[in-house]
């Protein structure tokens, strides 16, 4: 499930309106749950999936804007097993 976050730009003048940009973020736990259930990674165990989640946390990639980043990282992770 994607999480929507609002980011606000700084206001230089008090007469200016604050613009709010909604950003959709994806988290690694939901991605891994989907990957385990999809069948695209049949040899991926729950222990390996936990290792992948820890790796993404260490890379400061717990939330990303593009879910394809997780797929690319998971493909690299699986190919190194």
Protein backbone atom coordinates (compact mmCIF):
# COMPACT_ATOMS: atom_id res chain seq x y z
CA UNK A 1 0.00 0.00 0.00
CA UNK A 2 1.39 3.38 -0.91
CA UNK A 3 1.68 6.16 1.59
CA UNK A 4 0.98 9.74 0.59
CA UNK A 5 3.15 12.43 2.11
CA UNK A 6 2.77 16.15 1.74
CA UNK A 7 5.87 18.26 1.27
CA UNK A 8 5.66 22.02 1.65
CA UNK A 9 7.85 24.53 -0.10
CA UNK A 10 9.29 27.40 1.91
CA UNK A 11 7.39 30.64 1.87
CA UNK A 12 9.55 33.71 1.22
CA UNK A 13 6.79 36.27 1.53
CA UNK A 14 3.81 36.07 3.84
CA UNK A 15 1.52 37.05 0.95
CA UNK A 16 2.46 33.96 -1.07
CA UNK A 17 0.38 30.83 -0.89
CA UNK A 18 1.94 27.63 0.36
CA UNK A 19 2.06 24.99 -2.35
CA UNK A 20 1.56 21.42 -1.25
CA UNK A 21 2.89 18.59 -3.33
CA UNK A 22 1.62 15.09 -2.61
CA UNK A 23 4.21 12.38 -3.02
CA UNK A 24 3.35 8.70 -3.12
CA UNK A 25 5.81 6.55 -1.20
CA UNK A 26 6.14 2.76 -1.25
CA UNK A 27 7.62 0.80 1.64
CA UNK A 28 9.83 -2.25 1.35
CA UNK A 29 7.76 -4.48 3.66
CA UNK A 30 4.65 -4.23 1.47
CA UNK A 31 6.78 -4.76 -1.64
CA UNK A 32 8.34 -7.93 -0.21
CA UNK A 33 4.93 -9.29 0.82
CA UNK A 34 3.75 -8.78 -2.74
CA UNK A 35 6.90 -10.33 -4.19
CA UNK A 36 6.58 -13.43 -2.00
CA UNK A 37 2.94 -13.90 -2.98
CA UNK A 38 3.36 -13.16 -6.68
CA UNK A 39 5.41 -16.20 -7.68
CA UNK A 40 7.99 -14.08 -9.52
CA UNK A 41 10.59 -15.09 -6.95
CA UNK A 42 9.75 -18.74 -6.19
CA UNK A 43 13.09 -19.46 -4.50
CA UNK A 44 12.93 -16.44 -2.19
CA UNK A 45 12.50 -17.62 1.39
CA UNK A 46 11.10 -15.60 4.27
CA UNK A 47 14.57 -15.44 5.84
CA UNK A 48 16.05 -14.05 2.61
CA UNK A 49 13.16 -11.59 2.36
CA UNK A 50 13.95 -10.37 5.89
CA UNK A 51 17.57 -9.94 4.85
CA UNK A 52 16.46 -7.89 1.85
CA UNK A 53 14.33 -5.65 4.09
CA UNK A 54 17.33 -5.11 6.38
CA UNK A 55 19.51 -4.30 3.37
CA UNK A 56 17.04 -1.69 2.15
CA UNK A 57 16.89 -0.14 5.63
CA UNK A 58 20.69 0.06 5.71
CA UNK A 59 20.63 1.82 2.32
CA UNK A 60 18.02 4.25 3.69
CA UNK A 61 15.49 2.93 1.17
CA UNK A 62 12.67 1.89 3.51
CA UNK A 63 10.38 4.29 1.60
CA UNK A 64 10.91 5.11 -2.08
CA UNK A 65 8.91 7.08 -4.62
CA UNK A 66 9.33 4.52 -7.41
CA UNK A 67 8.53 0.88 -6.66
CA UNK A 68 10.76 -0.24 -9.55
CA UNK A 69 13.78 0.66 -7.41
CA UNK A 70 12.81 -2.17 -5.06
CA UNK A 71 12.45 -4.58 -7.98
CA UNK A 72 15.89 -3.68 -9.34
CA UNK A 73 17.46 -4.08 -5.90
CA UNK A 74 15.66 -7.39 -5.28
CA UNK A 75 16.82 -8.73 -8.65
CA UNK A 76 20.43 -7.87 -7.69
CA UNK A 77 19.93 -9.40 -4.24
CA UNK A 78 18.53 -12.67 -5.62
CA UNK A 79 21.24 -12.98 -8.28
CA UNK A 80 23.92 -12.78 -5.55
CA UNK A 81 22.42 -15.63 -3.47
